[in-house]
Amino acid sequence: MDKPSEEIQTLNYLIQSLGNQVNESSNQITSLQQSARGLVSSGDYESLIQKGPEVESDSSENEVNRSEEEGESIQALEKERIQLVMDIQKQDFITEKLLELNEQNSGIVESFQEFVQHRNQMRKDDESNENDRLKYFNESIMDPKISLLDVNIKEMNHAVQKLELYYKSLSEEIIQENKTILSDDYQKNLKILISSLNAVFNRYVTSDPTLQNEKI
């Protein structure tokens, strides 16, 4: 597996982990909201969410007929209510930021994926261009030279064959001539020719006094 694929898988894993954390936070918020709704009425709950935490009311001080224990219980519930509202608002804020972060990371992953795809496409285009250049070089330069070389080789082989045939024919002629020269008939004819030439020469010398002293 190449490095870009590993990076994409790592980013997808981080986004999935972040999504799981957001889901867990949402579950915790839901649980807190259900607990808060159990402490107050639905109308009071919505009012508390909109208004936020308030300072403790002085109404308990005006109720002089309530016992001290009942007043402490009310104060404790009020503190729990205030803390619960603050926790809910905090969780809402965290959830909102986590969702924003998740959206940003999704955008980063998409941008990175587009970059990887674009880079892969560029790589394919470069390979295609290189193949086209190699094909052009082979077709326009190498193939014609190879064809010409094949033609030259065929012509050279043909010339060599002709030369071999000529050499063979010449050798046969030389051998035949040697056989003819060494034959008895040839030697006999040669002697007759030499005798005839000598006779002609002698007649020529006899007819010309200036050449009478010459000898064959």
C-alpha atoms as a PDB file:
ATOM      1  CA  MET A   1       0.000   0.000   0.000  1.00  0.00           C
ATOM      2  CA  ASP A   2       1.358   3.401  -0.901  1.00  0.00           C
ATOM      3  CA  LYS A   3       1.823   6.277   1.519  1.00  0.00           C
ATOM      4  CA  PRO A   4      -1.162   8.442   0.353  1.00  0.00           C
ATOM      5  CA  SER A   5      -3.562   5.534   0.990  1.00  0.00           C
ATOM      6  CA  GLU A   6      -2.123   5.065   4.482  1.00  0.00           C
ATOM      7  CA  GLU A   7      -2.542   8.794   5.191  1.00  0.00           C
ATOM      8  CA  ILE A   8      -6.165   8.703   4.008  1.00  0.00           C
ATOM      9  CA  GLN A   9      -6.903   5.685   6.200  1.00  0.00           C
ATOM     10  CA  THR A  10      -5.274   7.421   9.183  1.00  0.00           C
ATOM     11  CA  LEU A  11      -7.363  10.566   8.661  1.00  0.00           C
ATOM     12  CA  ASN A  12     -10.529   8.502   8.247  1.00  0.00           C
ATOM     13  CA  TYR A  13      -9.708   6.675  11.473  1.00  0.00           C
ATOM     14  CA  LEU A  14      -9.186   9.970  13.328  1.00  0.00           C
ATOM     15  CA  ILE A  15     -12.471  11.342  11.986  1.00  0.00           C
ATOM     16  CA  GLN A  16     -14.288   8.163  12.973  1.00  0.00           C
ATOM     17  CA  SER A  17     -12.757   8.346  16.461  1.00  0.00           C
ATOM     18  CA  LEU A  18     -13.784  11.994  16.729  1.00  0.00           C
ATOM     19  CA  GLY A  19     -17.307  11.089  15.612  1.00  0.00           C
ATOM     20  CA  ASN A  20     -17.453   8.388  18.281  1.00  0.00           C
ATOM     21  CA  GLN A  21     -16.366  10.920  20.910  1.00  0.00           C
ATOM     22  CA  VAL A  22     -19.044  13.327  19.713  1.00  0.00           C
ATOM     23  CA  ASN A  23     -21.632  10.568  19.961  1.00  0.00           C
ATOM     24  CA  GLU A  24     -20.489   9.733  23.487  1.00  0.00           C
ATOM     25  CA  SER A  25     -20.688  13.414  24.441  1.00  0.00           C
ATOM     26  CA  SER A  26     -24.180  13.591  22.927  1.00  0.00           C
ATOM     27  CA  ASN A  27     -25.223  10.563  24.960  1.00  0.00           C
ATOM     28  CA  GLN A  28     -23.880  12.185  28.126  1.00  0.00           C
ATOM     29  CA  ILE A  29     -25.721  15.403  27.300  1.00  0.00           C
ATOM     30  CA  THR A  30     -28.932  13.471  26.713  1.00  0.00           C
ATOM     31  CA  SER A  31     -28.506  11.716  30.055  1.00  0.00           C
ATOM     32  CA  LEU A  32     -27.907  15.033  31.836  1.00  0.00           C
ATOM     33  CA  GLN A  33     -30.909  16.576  30.116  1.00  0.00           C
ATOM     34  CA  GLN A  34     -33.117  13.700  31.216  1.00  0.00           C
ATOM     35  CA  SER A  35     -31.853  14.084  34.780  1.00  0.00           C
ATOM     36  CA  ALA A  36     -32.538  17.816  34.649  1.00  0.00           C
ATOM     37  CA  ARG A  37     -36.063  17.267  33.338  1.00  0.00           C
ATOM     38  CA  GLY A  38     -36.694  14.916  36.246  1.00  0.00           C
ATOM     39  CA  LEU A  39     -35.826  17.632  38.756  1.00  0.00           C
ATOM     40  CA  VAL A  40     -38.016  20.387  37.323  1.00  0.00           C
ATOM     41  CA  SER A  41     -41.125  20.659  35.177  1.00  0.00           C
ATOM     42  CA  SER A  42     -40.847  20.869  31.389  1.00  0.00           C
ATOM     43  CA  GLY A  43     -41.810  24.545  31.379  1.00  0.00           C
ATOM     44  CA  ASP A  44     -39.281  25.406  34.089  1.00  0.00           C
ATOM     45  CA  TYR A  45     -36.629  23.401  32.250  1.00  0.00           C
ATOM     46  CA  GLU A  46     -37.061  25.346  29.005  1.00  0.00           C
ATOM     47  CA  SER A  47     -37.061  28.596  30.968  1.00  0.00           C
ATOM     48  CA  LEU A  48     -33.835  27.632  32.736  1.00  0.00           C
ATOM     49  CA  ILE A  49     -32.138  26.723  29.432  1.00  0.00           C
ATOM     50  CA  GLN A  50     -32.982  30.113  27.927  1.00  0.00           C
ATOM     51  CA  LYS A  51     -32.192  32.235  30.988  1.00  0.00           C
ATOM     52  CA  GLY A  52     -29.143  30.366  32.231  1.00  0.00           C
ATOM     53  CA  PRO A  53     -28.050  30.191  35.866  1.00  0.00           C
ATOM     54  CA  GLU A  54     -29.595  32.673  38.270  1.00  0.00           C
ATOM     55  CA  VAL A  55     -28.654  33.710  41.754  1.00  0.00           C
ATOM     56  CA  GLU A  56     -30.500  32.010  44.500  1.00  0.00           C
ATOM     57  CA  SER A  57     -33.911  33.529  45.094  1.00  0.00           C
ATOM     58  CA  ASP A  58     -34.656  35.263  48.324  1.00  0.00           C
ATOM     59  CA  SER A  59     -38.119  33.747  48.396  1.00  0.00           C
ATOM     60  CA  SER A  60     -36.973  31.134  50.888  1.00  0.00           C
ATOM     61  CA  GLU A  61     -36.184  33.882  53.380  1.00  0.00           C
ATOM     62  CA  ASN A  62     -39.769  35.142  53.178  1.00  0.00           C
ATOM     63  CA  GLU A  63     -41.206  31.735  53.955  1.00  0.00           C
ATOM     64  CA  VAL A  64     -40.755  31.811  57.694  1.00  0.00           C
ATOM     65  CA  ASN A  65     -43.218  28.945  58.144  1.00  0.00           C
ATOM     66  CA  ARG A  66     -40.942  26.393  56.513  1.00  0.00           C
ATOM     67  CA  SER A  67     -38.640  24.354  58.633  1.00  0.00           C
ATOM     68  CA  GLU A  68     -34.895  24.744  58.504  1.00  0.00           C
ATOM     69  CA  GLU A  69     -34.497  21.241  57.038  1.00  0.00           C
ATOM     70  CA  GLU A  70     -36.915  21.982  54.201  1.00  0.00           C
ATOM     71  CA  GLY A  71     -35.052  25.223  53.446  1.00  0.00           C
ATOM     72  CA  GLU A  72     -31.706  23.435  53.285  1.00  0.00           C
ATOM     73  CA  SER A  73     -33.182  20.844  50.913  1.00  0.00           C
ATOM     74  CA  ILE A  74     -34.493  23.579  48.645  1.00  0.00           C
ATOM     75  CA  GLN A  75     -31.103  25.290  48.654  1.00  0.00           C
ATOM     76  CA  ALA A  76     -29.363  22.031  47.797  1.00  0.00           C
ATOM     77  CA  LEU A  77     -31.798  21.372  44.943  1.00  0.00           C
ATOM     78  CA  GLU A  78     -31.307  24.906  43.697  1.00  0.00           C
ATOM     79  CA  LYS A  79     -27.533  24.468  43.689  1.00  0.00           C
ATOM     80  CA  GLU A  80     -27.908  21.186  41.820  1.00  0.00           C
ATOM     81  CA  ARG A  81     -30.214  22.877  39.346  1.00  0.00           C
ATOM     82  CA  ILE A  82     -27.760  25.708  38.752  1.00  0.00           C
ATOM     83  CA  GLN A  83     -24.859  23.313  38.371  1.00  0.00           C
ATOM     84  CA  LEU A  84     -26.915  21.142  36.029  1.00  0.00           C
ATOM     85  CA  VAL A  85     -27.797  24.120  33.836  1.00  0.00           C
ATOM     86  CA  MET A  86     -24.139  25.113  33.689  1.00  0.00           C
ATOM     87  CA  ASP A  87     -23.125  21.555  32.803  1.00  0.00           C
ATOM     88  CA  ILE A  88     -25.746  21.416  30.067  1.00  0.00           C
ATOM     89  CA  GLN A  89     -24.583  24.714  28.596  1.00  0.00           C
ATOM     90  CA  LYS A  90     -20.973  23.553  28.801  1.00  0.00           C
ATOM     91  CA  GLN A  91     -21.817  20.285  27.081  1.00  0.00           C
ATOM     92  CA  ASP A  92     -23.748  22.148  24.386  1.00  0.00           C
ATOM     93  CA  PHE A  93     -20.741  24.383  23.787  1.00  0.00           C
ATOM     94  CA  ILE A  94     -18.349  21.420  23.647  1.00  0.00           C
ATOM     95  CA  THR A  95     -20.663  19.532  21.316  1.00  0.00           C
ATOM     96  CA  GLU A  96     -20.927  22.524  19.005  1.00  0.00           C
ATOM     97  CA  LYS A  97     -17.143  22.896  18.865  1.00  0.00           C
ATOM     98  CA  LEU A  98     -16.670  19.176  18.290  1.00  0.00           C
ATOM     99  CA  LEU A  99     -19.151  19.261  15.434  1.00  0.00           C
ATOM    100  CA  GLU A 100     -17.339  22.256  13.936  1.00  0.00           C
ATOM    101  CA  LEU A 101     -14.024  20.429  14.300  1.00  0.00           C
ATOM    102  CA  ASN A 102     -15.517  17.332  12.719  1.00  0.00           C
ATOM    103  CA  GLU A 103     -16.788  19.407   9.793  1.00  0.00           C
ATOM    104  CA  GLN A 104     -13.390  21.061   9.379  1.00  0.00           C
ATOM    105  CA  ASN A 105     -11.624  17.698   9.446  1.00  0.00           C
ATOM    106  CA  SER A 106     -14.076  16.360   6.877  1.00  0.00           C
ATOM    107  CA  GLY A 107     -13.207  19.308   4.633  1.00  0.00           C
ATOM    108  CA  ILE A 108      -9.495  18.645   5.141  1.00  0.00           C
ATOM    109  CA  VAL A 109      -9.925  14.983   4.261  1.00  0.00           C
ATOM    110  CA  GLU A 110     -11.919  15.835   1.141  1.00  0.00           C
ATOM    111  CA  SER A 111      -9.279  18.354   0.078  1.00  0.00           C
ATOM    112  CA  PHE A 112      -6.528  15.816   0.705  1.00  0.00           C
ATOM    113  CA  GLN A 113      -8.397  13.159  -1.269  1.00  0.00           C
ATOM    114  CA  GLU A 114      -8.834  15.595  -4.158  1.00  0.00           C
ATOM    115  CA  PHE A 115      -5.114  16.380  -3.992  1.00  0.00           C
ATOM    116  CA  VAL A 116      -4.186  12.680  -4.073  1.00  0.00           C
ATOM    117  CA  GLN A 117      -6.556  12.029  -6.975  1.00  0.00           C
ATOM    118  CA  HIS A 118      -5.183  15.048  -8.854  1.00  0.00           C
ATOM    119  CA  ARG A 119      -1.612  13.919  -8.222  1.00  0.00           C
ATOM    120  CA  ASN A 120      -2.414  10.381  -9.387  1.00  0.00           C
ATOM    121  CA  GLN A 121      -4.037  11.796 -12.520  1.00  0.00           C
ATOM    122  CA  MET A 122      -0.960  13.941 -13.174  1.00  0.00           C
ATOM    123  CA  ARG A 123       1.215  10.862 -12.742  1.00  0.00           C
ATOM    124  CA  LYS A 124      -0.947   8.928 -15.217  1.00  0.00           C
ATOM    125  CA  ASP A 125      -0.785  11.848 -17.662  1.00  0.00           C
ATOM    126  CA  ASP A 126       3.014  11.952 -17.355  1.00  0.00           C
ATOM    127  CA  GLU A 127       3.226   8.205 -17.980  1.00  0.00           C
ATOM    128  CA  SER A 128       0.902   8.536 -20.974  1.00  0.00           C
ATOM    129  CA  ASN A 129       2.983  11.400 -22.412  1.00  0.00           C
ATOM    130  CA  GLU A 130       6.164   9.396 -21.887  1.00  0.00           C
ATOM    131  CA  ASN A 131       4.633   6.410 -23.667  1.00  0.00           C
ATOM    132  CA  ASP A 132       3.538   8.670 -26.533  1.00  0.00           C
ATOM    133  CA  ARG A 133       7.059  10.096 -26.860  1.00  0.00           C
ATOM    134  CA  LEU A 134       8.551   6.600 -26.803  1.00  0.00           C
ATOM    135  CA  LYS A 135       6.044   5.407 -29.407  1.00  0.00           C
ATOM    136  CA  TYR A 136       6.829   8.407 -31.643  1.00  0.00           C
ATOM    137  CA  PHE A 137      10.572   7.783 -31.290  1.00  0.00           C
ATOM    138  CA  ASN A 138      10.175   4.121 -32.215  1.00  0.00           C
ATOM    139  CA  GLU A 139       7.847   4.752 -35.153  1.00  0.00           C
ATOM    140  CA  SER A 140       9.581   7.817 -36.623  1.00  0.00           C
ATOM    141  CA  ILE A 141      13.242   6.999 -35.949  1.00  0.00           C
ATOM    142  CA  MET A 142      13.928   3.445 -34.871  1.00  0.00           C
ATOM    143  CA  ASP A 143      11.509   1.551 -37.113  1.00  0.00           C
ATOM    144  CA  PRO A 144      12.734   3.204 -40.372  1.00  0.00           C
ATOM    145  CA  LYS A 145      16.365   2.582 -39.390  1.00  0.00           C
ATOM    146  CA  ILE A 146      15.601  -1.044 -38.551  1.00  0.00           C
ATOM    147  CA  SER A 147      13.796  -1.490 -41.878  1.00  0.00           C
ATOM    148  CA  LEU A 148      16.722   0.068 -43.765  1.00  0.00           C
ATOM    149  CA  LEU A 149      19.151  -2.148 -41.872  1.00  0.00           C
ATOM    150  CA  ASP A 150      17.103  -5.227 -42.815  1.00  0.00           C
ATOM    151  CA  VAL A 151      17.187  -4.204 -46.490  1.00  0.00           C
ATOM    152  CA  ASN A 152      20.960  -3.621 -46.360  1.00  0.00           C
ATOM    153  CA  ILE A 153      21.517  -6.987 -44.703  1.00  0.00           C
ATOM    154  CA  LYS A 154      19.446  -8.755 -47.366  1.00  0.00           C
ATOM    155  CA  GLU A 155      21.349  -6.975 -50.157  1.00  0.00           C
ATOM    156  CA  MET A 156      24.672  -7.792 -48.528  1.00  0.00           C
ATOM    157  CA  ASN A 157      23.696 -11.465 -48.181  1.00  0.00           C
ATOM    158  CA  HIS A 158      22.684 -11.520 -51.839  1.00  0.00           C
ATOM    159  CA  ALA A 159      26.012  -9.943 -52.850  1.00  0.00           C
ATOM    160  CA  VAL A 160      27.918 -12.456 -50.724  1.00  0.00           C
ATOM    161  CA  GLN A 161      26.044 -15.314 -52.391  1.00  0.00           C
ATOM    162  CA  LYS A 162      26.877 -13.934 -55.855  1.00  0.00           C
ATOM    163  CA  LEU A 163      30.512 -13.520 -54.820  1.00  0.00           C
ATOM    164  CA  GLU A 164      30.618 -17.094 -53.547  1.00  0.00           C
ATOM    165  CA  LEU A 165      29.157 -18.369 -56.829  1.00  0.00           C
ATOM    166  CA  TYR A 166      31.659 -16.315 -58.853  1.00  0.00           C
ATOM    167  CA  TYR A 167      34.557 -17.557 -56.723  1.00  0.00           C
ATOM    168  CA  LYS A 168      33.359 -21.129 -57.123  1.00  0.00           C
ATOM    169  CA  SER A 169      33.031 -20.729 -60.895  1.00  0.00           C
ATOM    170  CA  LEU A 170      36.455 -19.075 -61.155  1.00  0.00           C
ATOM    171  CA  SER A 171      38.030 -21.803 -59.070  1.00  0.00           C
ATOM    172  CA  GLU A 172      36.511 -24.447 -61.281  1.00  0.00           C
ATOM    173  CA  GLU A 173      37.808 -22.659 -64.394  1.00  0.00           C
ATOM    174  CA  ILE A 174      41.308 -22.388 -62.928  1.00  0.00           C
ATOM    175  CA  ILE A 175      41.304 -26.047 -61.986  1.00  0.00           C
ATOM    176  CA  GLN A 176      40.088 -26.981 -65.447  1.00  0.00           C
ATOM    177  CA  GLU A 177      42.758 -24.823 -67.096  1.00  0.00           C
ATOM    178  CA  ASN A 178      45.427 -26.405 -64.931  1.00  0.00           C
ATOM    179  CA  LYS A 179      44.204 -29.819 -65.910  1.00  0.00           C
ATOM    180  CA  THR A 180      44.231 -28.761 -69.579  1.00  0.00           C
ATOM    181  CA  ILE A 181      47.776 -27.363 -69.353  1.00  0.00           C
ATOM    182  CA  LEU A 182      49.041 -30.517 -67.728  1.00  0.00           C
ATOM    183  CA  SER A 183      47.309 -32.828 -70.200  1.00  0.00           C
ATOM    184  CA  ASP A 184      49.295 -34.670 -72.922  1.00  0.00           C
ATOM    185  CA  ASP A 185      47.232 -33.200 -75.727  1.00  0.00           C
ATOM    186  CA  TYR A 186      47.897 -29.682 -74.514  1.00  0.00           C
ATOM    187  CA  GLN A 187      51.633 -30.335 -74.187  1.00  0.00           C
ATOM    188  CA  LYS A 188      51.694 -31.880 -77.679  1.00  0.00           C
ATOM    189  CA  ASN A 189      49.807 -28.964 -79.208  1.00  0.00           C
ATOM    190  CA  LEU A 190      52.067 -26.542 -77.356  1.00  0.00           C
ATOM    191  CA  LYS A 191      55.192 -28.175 -78.821  1.00  0.00           C
ATOM    192  CA  ILE A 192      53.678 -28.045 -82.318  1.00  0.00           C
ATOM    193  CA  LEU A 193      52.904 -24.352 -81.817  1.00  0.00           C
ATOM    194  CA  ILE A 194      56.448 -23.633 -80.640  1.00  0.00           C
ATOM    195  CA  SER A 195      57.904 -25.520 -83.621  1.00  0.00           C
ATOM    196  CA  SER A 196      55.697 -23.565 -85.992  1.00  0.00           C
ATOM    197  CA  LEU A 197      56.769 -20.292 -84.450  1.00  0.00           C
ATOM    198  CA  ASN A 198      60.426 -21.298 -84.727  1.00  0.00           C
ATOM    199  CA  ALA A 199      59.995 -22.186 -88.389  1.00  0.00           C
ATOM    200  CA  VAL A 200      58.354 -18.868 -89.116  1.00  0.00           C
ATOM    201  CA  PHE A 201      61.072 -17.070 -87.262  1.00  0.00           C
ATOM    202  CA  ASN A 202      63.807 -18.946 -89.079  1.00  0.00           C
ATOM    203  CA  ARG A 203      62.304 -18.108 -92.451  1.00  0.00           C
ATOM    204  CA  TYR A 204      62.105 -14.491 -91.423  1.00  0.00           C
ATOM    205  CA  VAL A 205      65.722 -14.483 -90.278  1.00  0.00           C
ATOM    206  CA  THR A 206      66.890 -16.125 -93.533  1.00  0.00           C
ATOM    207  CA  SER A 207      65.164 -13.516 -95.606  1.00  0.00           C
ATOM    208  CA  ASP A 208      66.732 -10.679 -93.603  1.00  0.00           C
ATOM    209  CA  PRO A 209      70.597 -10.790 -93.504  1.00  0.00           C
ATOM    210  CA  THR A 210      70.745  -8.449 -90.546  1.00  0.00           C
ATOM    211  CA  LEU A 211      69.032 -11.014 -88.362  1.00  0.00           C
ATOM    212  CA  GLN A 212      70.989 -14.114 -89.367  1.00  0.00           C
ATOM    213  CA  ASN A 213      73.088 -14.056 -86.184  1.00  0.00           C
ATOM    214  CA  GLU A 214      69.958 -14.138 -83.891  1.00  0.00           C
ATOM    215  CA  LYS A 215      68.982 -17.443 -82.284  1.00  0.00           C
ATOM    216  CA  ILE A 216      65.898 -18.678 -80.583  1.00  0.00           C
END
